[in-house]
PDB file of N, CA and C in Angstrom:
ATOM      1  N   MET A   1      35.037  18.084  81.188  1.00  0.00           N
ATOM      2  CA  MET A   1      35.170  18.781  79.917  1.00  0.00           C
ATOM      3  C   MET A   1      34.749  17.890  78.741  1.00  0.00           C
ATOM      4  N   SER A   2      35.127  16.601  78.775  1.00  0.00           N
ATOM      5  CA  SER A   2      34.781  15.713  77.665  1.00  0.00           C
ATOM      6  C   SER A   2      33.278  15.462  77.591  1.00  0.00           C
ATOM      7  N   LEU A   3      32.616  15.501  78.749  1.00  0.00           N
ATOM      8  CA  LEU A   3      31.165  15.349  78.758  1.00  0.00           C
ATOM      9  C   LEU A   3      30.506  16.536  78.059  1.00  0.00           C
ATOM     10  N   LEU A   4      31.054  17.704  78.249  1.00  0.00           N
ATOM     11  CA  LEU A   4      30.526  18.885  77.594  1.00  0.00           C
ATOM     12  C   LEU A   4      30.684  18.796  76.069  1.00  0.00           C
ATOM     13  N   LEU A   5      31.830  18.305  75.596  1.00  0.00           N
ATOM     14  CA  LEU A   5      32.042  18.140  74.161  1.00  0.00           C
ATOM     15  C   LEU A   5      31.105  17.093  73.582  1.00  0.00           C
ATOM     16  N   ALA A   6      30.854  16.045  74.344  1.00  0.00           N
ATOM     17  CA  ALA A   6      29.942  15.006  73.863  1.00  0.00           C
ATOM     18  C   ALA A   6      28.531  15.557  73.689  1.00  0.00           C
ATOM     19  N   GLU A   7      28.165  16.526  74.473  1.00  0.00           N
ATOM     20  CA  GLU A   7      26.848  17.117  74.340  1.00  0.00           C
ATOM     21  C   GLU A   7      26.786  18.103  73.174  1.00  0.00           C
ATOM     22  N   ILE A   8      27.911  18.733  72.860  1.00  0.00           N
ATOM     23  CA  ILE A   8      27.929  19.741  71.803  1.00  0.00           C
ATOM     24  C   ILE A   8      28.038  19.101  70.424  1.00  0.00           C
ATOM     25  N   VAL A   9      28.906  18.107  70.280  1.00  0.00           N
ATOM     26  CA  VAL A   9      29.183  17.500  68.978  1.00  0.00           C
ATOM     27  C   VAL A   9      28.453  16.162  68.880  1.00  0.00           C
ATOM     28  N   ASP A  10      27.643  16.016  67.856  1.00  0.00           N
ATOM     29  CA  ASP A  10      26.979  14.745  67.581  1.00  0.00           C
ATOM     30  C   ASP A  10      27.947  13.891  66.762  1.00  0.00           C
ATOM     31  N   THR A  11      28.705  13.029  67.449  1.00  0.00           N
ATOM     32  CA  THR A  11      29.770  12.281  66.780  1.00  0.00           C
ATOM     33  C   THR A  11      29.219  11.293  65.757  1.00  0.00           C
ATOM     34  N   ASP A  12      28.056  10.726  66.012  1.00  0.00           N
ATOM     35  CA  ASP A  12      27.482   9.789  65.033  1.00  0.00           C
ATOM     36  C   ASP A  12      27.153  10.495  63.723  1.00  0.00           C
ATOM     37  N   ALA A  13      26.556  11.667  63.814  1.00  0.00           N
ATOM     38  CA  ALA A  13      26.236  12.429  62.603  1.00  0.00           C
ATOM     39  C   ALA A  13      27.513  12.897  61.906  1.00  0.00           C
ATOM     40  N   LEU A  14      28.526  13.264  62.689  1.00  0.00           N
ATOM     41  CA  LEU A  14      29.794  13.710  62.117  1.00  0.00           C
ATOM     42  C   LEU A  14      30.483  12.577  61.368  1.00  0.00           C
ATOM     43  N   LEU A  15      30.506  11.392  61.957  1.00  0.00           N
ATOM     44  CA  LEU A  15      31.117  10.246  61.287  1.00  0.00           C
ATOM     45  C   LEU A  15      30.337   9.838  60.044  1.00  0.00           C
ATOM     46  N   GLU A  16      29.015   9.899  60.112  1.00  0.00           N
ATOM     47  CA  GLU A  16      28.199   9.581  58.942  1.00  0.00           C
ATOM     48  C   GLU A  16      28.463  10.573  57.811  1.00  0.00           C
ATOM     49  N   MET A  17      28.588  11.844  58.159  1.00  0.00           N
ATOM     50  CA  MET A  17      28.874  12.864  57.153  1.00  0.00           C
ATOM     51  C   MET A  17      30.242  12.621  56.522  1.00  0.00           C
ATOM     52  N   LEU A  18      31.218  12.219  57.317  1.00  0.00           N
ATOM     53  CA  LEU A  18      32.558  12.000  56.788  1.00  0.00           C
ATOM     54  C   LEU A  18      32.604  10.845  55.790  1.00  0.00           C
ATOM     55  N   TRP A  19      32.007   9.704  56.135  1.00  0.00           N
ATOM     56  CA  TRP A  19      32.112   8.566  55.216  1.00  0.00           C
ATOM     57  C   TRP A  19      31.228   8.761  53.986  1.00  0.00           C
ATOM     58  N   THR A  20      30.072   9.413  54.135  1.00  0.00           N
ATOM     59  CA  THR A  20      29.240   9.629  52.954  1.00  0.00           C
ATOM     60  C   THR A  20      29.868  10.659  52.018  1.00  0.00           C
ATOM     61  N   ALA A  21      30.509  11.679  52.584  1.00  0.00           N
ATOM     62  CA  ALA A  21      31.174  12.674  51.738  1.00  0.00           C
ATOM     63  C   ALA A  21      32.351  12.055  50.998  1.00  0.00           C
ATOM     64  N   ALA A  22      33.109  11.209  51.676  1.00  0.00           N
ATOM     65  CA  ALA A  22      34.234  10.545  51.018  1.00  0.00           C
ATOM     66  C   ALA A  22      33.752   9.601  49.922  1.00  0.00           C
ATOM     67  N   LEU A  23      32.712   8.847  50.218  1.00  0.00           N
ATOM     68  CA  LEU A  23      32.166   7.928  49.227  1.00  0.00           C
ATOM     69  C   LEU A  23      31.589   8.682  48.029  1.00  0.00           C
ATOM     70  N   ALA A  24      30.862   9.738  48.292  1.00  0.00           N
ATOM     71  CA  ALA A  24      30.285  10.525  47.189  1.00  0.00           C
ATOM     72  C   ALA A  24      31.384  11.196  46.379  1.00  0.00           C
ATOM     73  N   GLY A  25      32.378  11.731  47.041  1.00  0.00           N
ATOM     74  CA  GLY A  25      33.471  12.387  46.326  1.00  0.00           C
ATOM     75  C   GLY A  25      34.223  11.425  45.437  1.00  0.00           C
ATOM     76  N   PHE A  26      34.531  10.255  45.960  1.00  0.00           N
ATOM     77  CA  PHE A  26      35.230   9.251  45.155  1.00  0.00           C
ATOM     78  C   PHE A  26      34.332   8.722  44.044  1.00  0.00           C
ATOM     79  N   GLY A  27      33.086   8.435  44.362  1.00  0.00           N
ATOM     80  CA  GLY A  27      32.173   7.858  43.377  1.00  0.00           C
ATOM     81  C   GLY A  27      31.872   8.786  42.222  1.00  0.00           C
ATOM     82  N   VAL A  28      31.597  10.041  42.514  1.00  0.00           N
ATOM     83  CA  VAL A  28      31.278  11.000  41.452  1.00  0.00           C
ATOM     84  C   VAL A  28      32.525  11.283  40.609  1.00  0.00           C
ATOM     85  N   THR A  29      33.674  11.386  41.263  1.00  0.00           N
ATOM     86  CA  THR A  29      34.915  11.609  40.521  1.00  0.00           C
ATOM     87  C   THR A  29      35.219  10.434  39.606  1.00  0.00           C
ATOM     88  N   ALA A  30      35.039   9.219  40.102  1.00  0.00           N
ATOM     89  CA  ALA A  30      35.275   8.030  39.279  1.00  0.00           C
ATOM     90  C   ALA A  30      34.284   7.966  38.116  1.00  0.00           C
ATOM     91  N   ALA A  31      33.025   8.278  38.376  1.00  0.00           N
ATOM     92  CA  ALA A  31      32.027   8.253  37.304  1.00  0.00           C
ATOM     93  C   ALA A  31      32.342   9.294  36.238  1.00  0.00           C
ATOM     94  N   TYR A  32      32.815  10.466  36.647  1.00  0.00           N
ATOM     95  CA  TYR A  32      33.175  11.504  35.686  1.00  0.00           C
ATOM     96  C   TYR A  32      34.389  11.066  34.866  1.00  0.00           C
ATOM     97  N   GLY A  33      35.342  10.426  35.523  1.00  0.00           N
ATOM     98  CA  GLY A  33      36.501   9.909  34.794  1.00  0.00           C
ATOM     99  C   GLY A  33      36.112   8.840  33.787  1.00  0.00           C
ATOM    100  N   ILE A  34      35.190   7.974  34.173  1.00  0.00           N
ATOM    101  CA  ILE A  34      34.711   6.938  33.254  1.00  0.00           C
ATOM    102  C   ILE A  34      33.977   7.571  32.077  1.00  0.00           C
ATOM    103  N   ALA A  35      33.198   8.617  32.346  1.00  0.00           N
ATOM    104  CA  ALA A  35      32.479   9.298  31.263  1.00  0.00           C
ATOM    105  C   ALA A  35      33.460   9.912  30.270  1.00  0.00           C
ATOM    106  N   ILE A  36      34.493  10.571  30.773  1.00  0.00           N
ATOM    107  CA  ILE A  36      35.480  11.189  29.890  1.00  0.00           C
ATOM    108  C   ILE A  36      36.257  10.127  29.114  1.00  0.00           C
ATOM    109  N   ALA A  37      36.734   9.113  29.828  1.00  0.00           N
ATOM    110  CA  ALA A  37      37.523   8.063  29.168  1.00  0.00           C
ATOM    111  C   ALA A  37      36.687   7.321  28.128  1.00  0.00           C
ATOM    112  N   GLY A  38      35.432   7.000  28.464  1.00  0.00           N
ATOM    113  CA  GLY A  38      34.572   6.315  27.505  1.00  0.00           C
ATOM    114  C   GLY A  38      34.303   7.147  26.276  1.00  0.00           C
ATOM    115  N   GLY A  39      34.058   8.432  26.472  1.00  0.00           N
ATOM    116  CA  GLY A  39      33.799   9.309  25.334  1.00  0.00           C
ATOM    117  C   GLY A  39      35.013   9.472  24.434  1.00  0.00           C
ATOM    118  N   ILE A  40      36.169   9.677  25.033  1.00  0.00           N
ATOM    119  CA  ILE A  40      37.389   9.863  24.237  1.00  0.00           C
ATOM    120  C   ILE A  40      37.746   8.589  23.480  1.00  0.00           C
ATOM    121  N   ARG A  41      37.684   7.454  24.169  1.00  0.00           N
ATOM    122  CA  ARG A  41      38.006   6.186  23.498  1.00  0.00           C
ATOM    123  C   ARG A  41      36.999   5.881  22.403  1.00  0.00           C
ATOM    124  N   ALA A  42      35.725   6.211  22.637  1.00  0.00           N
ATOM    125  CA  ALA A  42      34.708   5.979  21.611  1.00  0.00           C
ATOM    126  C   ALA A  42      35.003   6.809  20.368  1.00  0.00           C
ATOM    127  N   LEU A  43      35.401   8.053  20.555  1.00  0.00           N
ATOM    128  CA  LEU A  43      35.743   8.885  19.402  1.00  0.00           C
ATOM    129  C   LEU A  43      36.956   8.325  18.655  1.00  0.00           C
ATOM    130  N   ASP A  44      37.977   7.916  19.391  1.00  0.00           N
ATOM    131  CA  ASP A  44      39.171   7.357  18.750  1.00  0.00           C
ATOM    132  C   ASP A  44      38.853   6.079  17.978  1.00  0.00           C
ATOM    133  N   LEU A  45      38.073   5.197  18.593  1.00  0.00           N
ATOM    134  CA  LEU A  45      37.742   3.939  17.918  1.00  0.00           C
ATOM    135  C   LEU A  45      36.819   4.177  16.727  1.00  0.00           C
ATOM    136  N   GLY A  46      35.924   5.147  16.851  1.00  0.00           N
ATOM    137  CA  GLY A  46      35.036   5.472  15.735  1.00  0.00           C
ATOM    138  C   GLY A  46      35.805   5.989  14.531  1.00  0.00           C
ATOM    139  N   ARG A  47      36.832   6.778  14.793  1.00  0.00           N
ATOM    140  CA  ARG A  47      37.650   7.294  13.691  1.00  0.00           C
ATOM    141  C   ARG A  47      38.462   6.210  13.007  1.00  0.00           C
ATOM    142  N   SER A  48      38.807   5.175  13.779  1.00  0.00           N
ATOM    143  CA  SER A  48      39.599   4.100  13.186  1.00  0.00           C
ATOM    144  C   SER A  48      38.727   3.007  12.567  1.00  0.00           C
ATOM    145  N   GLY A  49      37.410   3.197  12.562  1.00  0.00           N
ATOM    146  CA  GLY A  49      36.521   2.259  11.899  1.00  0.00           C
ATOM    147  C   GLY A  49      36.048   1.103  12.765  1.00  0.00           C
ATOM    148  N   ARG A  50      36.359   1.116  14.038  1.00  0.00           N
ATOM    149  CA  ARG A  50      35.927   0.036  14.940  1.00  0.00           C
ATOM    150  C   ARG A  50      34.632   0.473  15.628  1.00  0.00           C
ATOM    151  N   THR A  51      33.536   0.374  14.877  1.00  0.00           N
ATOM    152  CA  THR A  51      32.272   0.949  15.338  1.00  0.00           C
ATOM    153  C   THR A  51      31.647   0.180  16.499  1.00  0.00           C
ATOM    154  N   ALA A  52      31.805  -1.132  16.544  1.00  0.00           N
ATOM    155  CA  ALA A  52      31.207  -1.905  17.633  1.00  0.00           C
ATOM    156  C   ALA A  52      31.844  -1.531  18.968  1.00  0.00           C
ATOM    157  N   GLU A  53      33.171  -1.449  18.985  1.00  0.00           N
ATOM    158  CA  GLU A  53      33.857  -1.057  20.215  1.00  0.00           C
ATOM    159  C   GLU A  53      33.549   0.392  20.571  1.00  0.00           C
ATOM    160  N   ALA A  54      33.451   1.242  19.545  1.00  0.00           N
ATOM    161  CA  ALA A  54      33.132   2.651  19.781  1.00  0.00           C
ATOM    162  C   ALA A  54      31.742   2.793  20.392  1.00  0.00           C
ATOM    163  N   LEU A  55      30.804   2.015  19.890  1.00  0.00           N
ATOM    164  CA  LEU A  55      29.451   2.058  20.432  1.00  0.00           C
ATOM    165  C   LEU A  55      29.432   1.602  21.882  1.00  0.00           C
ATOM    166  N   LEU A  56      30.136   0.521  22.186  1.00  0.00           N
ATOM    167  CA  LEU A  56      30.188   0.013  23.557  1.00  0.00           C
ATOM    168  C   LEU A  56      30.802   1.046  24.502  1.00  0.00           C
ATOM    169  N   LEU A  57      31.914   1.638  24.118  1.00  0.00           N
ATOM    170  CA  LEU A  57      32.542   2.628  24.983  1.00  0.00           C
ATOM    171  C   LEU A  57      31.732   3.923  25.027  1.00  0.00           C
ATOM    172  N   GLY A  58      31.001   4.237  23.977  1.00  0.00           N
ATOM    173  CA  GLY A  58      30.092   5.376  24.021  1.00  0.00           C
ATOM    174  C   GLY A  58      28.983   5.163  25.038  1.00  0.00           C
ATOM    175  N   ILE A  59      28.490   3.934  25.103  1.00  0.00           N
ATOM    176  CA  ILE A  59      27.459   3.610  26.097  1.00  0.00           C
ATOM    177  C   ILE A  59      28.036   3.701  27.504  1.00  0.00           C
ATOM    178  N   VAL A  60      29.253   3.213  27.686  1.00  0.00           N
ATOM    179  CA  VAL A  60      29.919   3.302  28.997  1.00  0.00           C
ATOM    180  C   VAL A  60      30.076   4.773  29.397  1.00  0.00           C
ATOM    181  N   GLY A  61      30.504   5.604  28.451  1.00  0.00           N
ATOM    182  CA  GLY A  61      30.636   7.033  28.735  1.00  0.00           C
ATOM    183  C   GLY A  61      29.311   7.687  29.068  1.00  0.00           C
ATOM    184  N   ALA A  62      28.266   7.298  28.360  1.00  0.00           N
ATOM    185  CA  ALA A  62      26.943   7.869  28.616  1.00  0.00           C
ATOM    186  C   ALA A  62      26.416   7.450  29.986  1.00  0.00           C
ATOM    187  N   VAL A  63      26.672   6.213  30.372  1.00  0.00           N
ATOM    188  CA  VAL A  63      26.250   5.758  31.704  1.00  0.00           C
ATOM    189  C   VAL A  63      27.012   6.521  32.785  1.00  0.00           C
ATOM    190  N   GLY A  64      28.306   6.722  32.582  1.00  0.00           N
ATOM    191  CA  GLY A  64      29.084   7.507  33.540  1.00  0.00           C
ATOM    192  C   GLY A  64      28.555   8.922  33.665  1.00  0.00           C
ATOM    193  N   LEU A  65      28.211   9.533  32.552  1.00  0.00           N
ATOM    194  CA  LEU A  65      27.654  10.876  32.567  1.00  0.00           C
ATOM    195  C   LEU A  65      26.288  10.901  33.251  1.00  0.00           C
ATOM    196  N   ALA A  66      25.489   9.870  33.032  1.00  0.00           N
ATOM    197  CA  ALA A  66      24.179   9.781  33.686  1.00  0.00           C
ATOM    198  C   ALA A  66      24.330   9.662  35.199  1.00  0.00           C
ATOM    199  N   VAL A  67      25.342   8.925  35.649  1.00  0.00           N
ATOM    200  CA  VAL A  67      25.593   8.804  37.094  1.00  0.00           C
ATOM    201  C   VAL A  67      25.975  10.158  37.683  1.00  0.00           C
ATOM    202  N   VAL A  68      26.817  10.904  36.981  1.00  0.00           N
ATOM    203  CA  VAL A  68      27.223  12.230  37.468  1.00  0.00           C
ATOM    204  C   VAL A  68      26.009  13.163  37.532  1.00  0.00           C
ATOM    205  N   ILE A  69      25.212  13.186  36.495  1.00  0.00           N
ATOM    206  CA  ILE A  69      24.024  14.041  36.486  1.00  0.00           C
ATOM    207  C   ILE A  69      23.050  13.616  37.571  1.00  0.00           C
ATOM    208  N   GLY A  70      22.893  12.310  37.756  1.00  0.00           N
ATOM    209  CA  GLY A  70      22.024  11.814  38.825  1.00  0.00           C
ATOM    210  C   GLY A  70      22.516  12.226  40.204  1.00  0.00           C
ATOM    211  N   ALA A  71      23.825  12.201  40.417  1.00  0.00           N
ATOM    212  CA  ALA A  71      24.376  12.624  41.701  1.00  0.00           C
ATOM    213  C   ALA A  71      24.147  14.110  41.943  1.00  0.00           C
ATOM    214  N   ILE A  72      24.262  14.907  40.889  1.00  0.00           N
ATOM    215  CA  ILE A  72      24.009  16.345  41.026  1.00  0.00           C
ATOM    216  C   ILE A  72      22.546  16.591  41.367  1.00  0.00           C
ATOM    217  N   VAL A  73      21.653  15.932  40.667  1.00  0.00           N
ATOM    218  CA  VAL A  73      20.213  16.096  40.934  1.00  0.00           C
ATOM    219  C   VAL A  73      19.887  15.632  42.347  1.00  0.00           C
ATOM    220  N   PHE A  74      20.451  14.501  42.766  1.00  0.00           N
ATOM    221  CA  PHE A  74      20.218  13.993  44.113  1.00  0.00           C
ATOM    222  C   PHE A  74      20.715  14.986  45.158  1.00  0.00           C
ATOM    223  N   GLY A  75      21.885  15.568  44.933  1.00  0.00           N
ATOM    224  CA  GLY A  75      22.417  16.550  45.863  1.00  0.00           C
ATOM    225  C   GLY A  75      21.549  17.778  45.969  1.00  0.00           C
ATOM    226  N   VAL A  76      21.036  18.253  44.852  1.00  0.00           N
ATOM    227  CA  VAL A  76      20.144  19.423  44.880  1.00  0.00           C
ATOM    228  C   VAL A  76      18.860  19.097  45.620  1.00  0.00           C
ATOM    229  N   ILE A  77      18.310  17.905  45.384  1.00  0.00           N
ATOM    230  CA  ILE A  77      17.074  17.515  46.068  1.00  0.00           C
ATOM    231  C   ILE A  77      17.298  17.427  47.572  1.00  0.00           C
ATOM    232  N   VAL A  78      18.421  16.863  47.987  1.00  0.00           N
ATOM    233  CA  VAL A  78      18.711  16.765  49.429  1.00  0.00           C
ATOM    234  C   VAL A  78      18.861  18.154  50.038  1.00  0.00           C
ATOM    235  N   MET A  79      19.547  19.054  49.348  1.00  0.00           N
ATOM    236  CA  MET A  79      19.742  20.401  49.888  1.00  0.00           C
ATOM    237  C   MET A  79      18.418  21.174  49.977  1.00  0.00           C
ATOM    238  N   VAL A  80      17.565  20.989  48.991  1.00  0.00           N
ATOM    239  CA  VAL A  80      16.285  21.717  49.007  1.00  0.00           C
ATOM    240  C   VAL A  80      15.387  21.208  50.118  1.00  0.00           C
ATOM    241  N   ASN A  81      15.422  19.923  50.406  1.00  0.00           N
ATOM    242  CA  ASN A  81      14.543  19.335  51.409  1.00  0.00           C
ATOM    243  C   ASN A  81      15.050  19.456  52.835  1.00  0.00           C
ATOM    244  N   LYS A  82      16.249  19.966  53.038  1.00  0.00           N
ATOM    245  CA  LYS A  82      16.782  20.105  54.400  1.00  0.00           C
ATOM    246  C   LYS A  82      16.379  21.386  55.030  1.00  0.00           C
TER     247      LYS A  82
END
């Protein structure tokens, strides 16, 4: 019976899918959190007159947003090419 399951389920592909999905899920979620936190902190610091810190955190937020958008584009490209 176990030989039959080994022929039906490609365990290497299944394990690869599991770790890549976990990594992508954590990575995209973290990047989105960084984008939100950077944007909010940049707005708060900008209102208090700390423009240098606001600019730095605005850049951090923009990079986080770029990572999220890049992950979405990459996912669409992978789905279209499969």
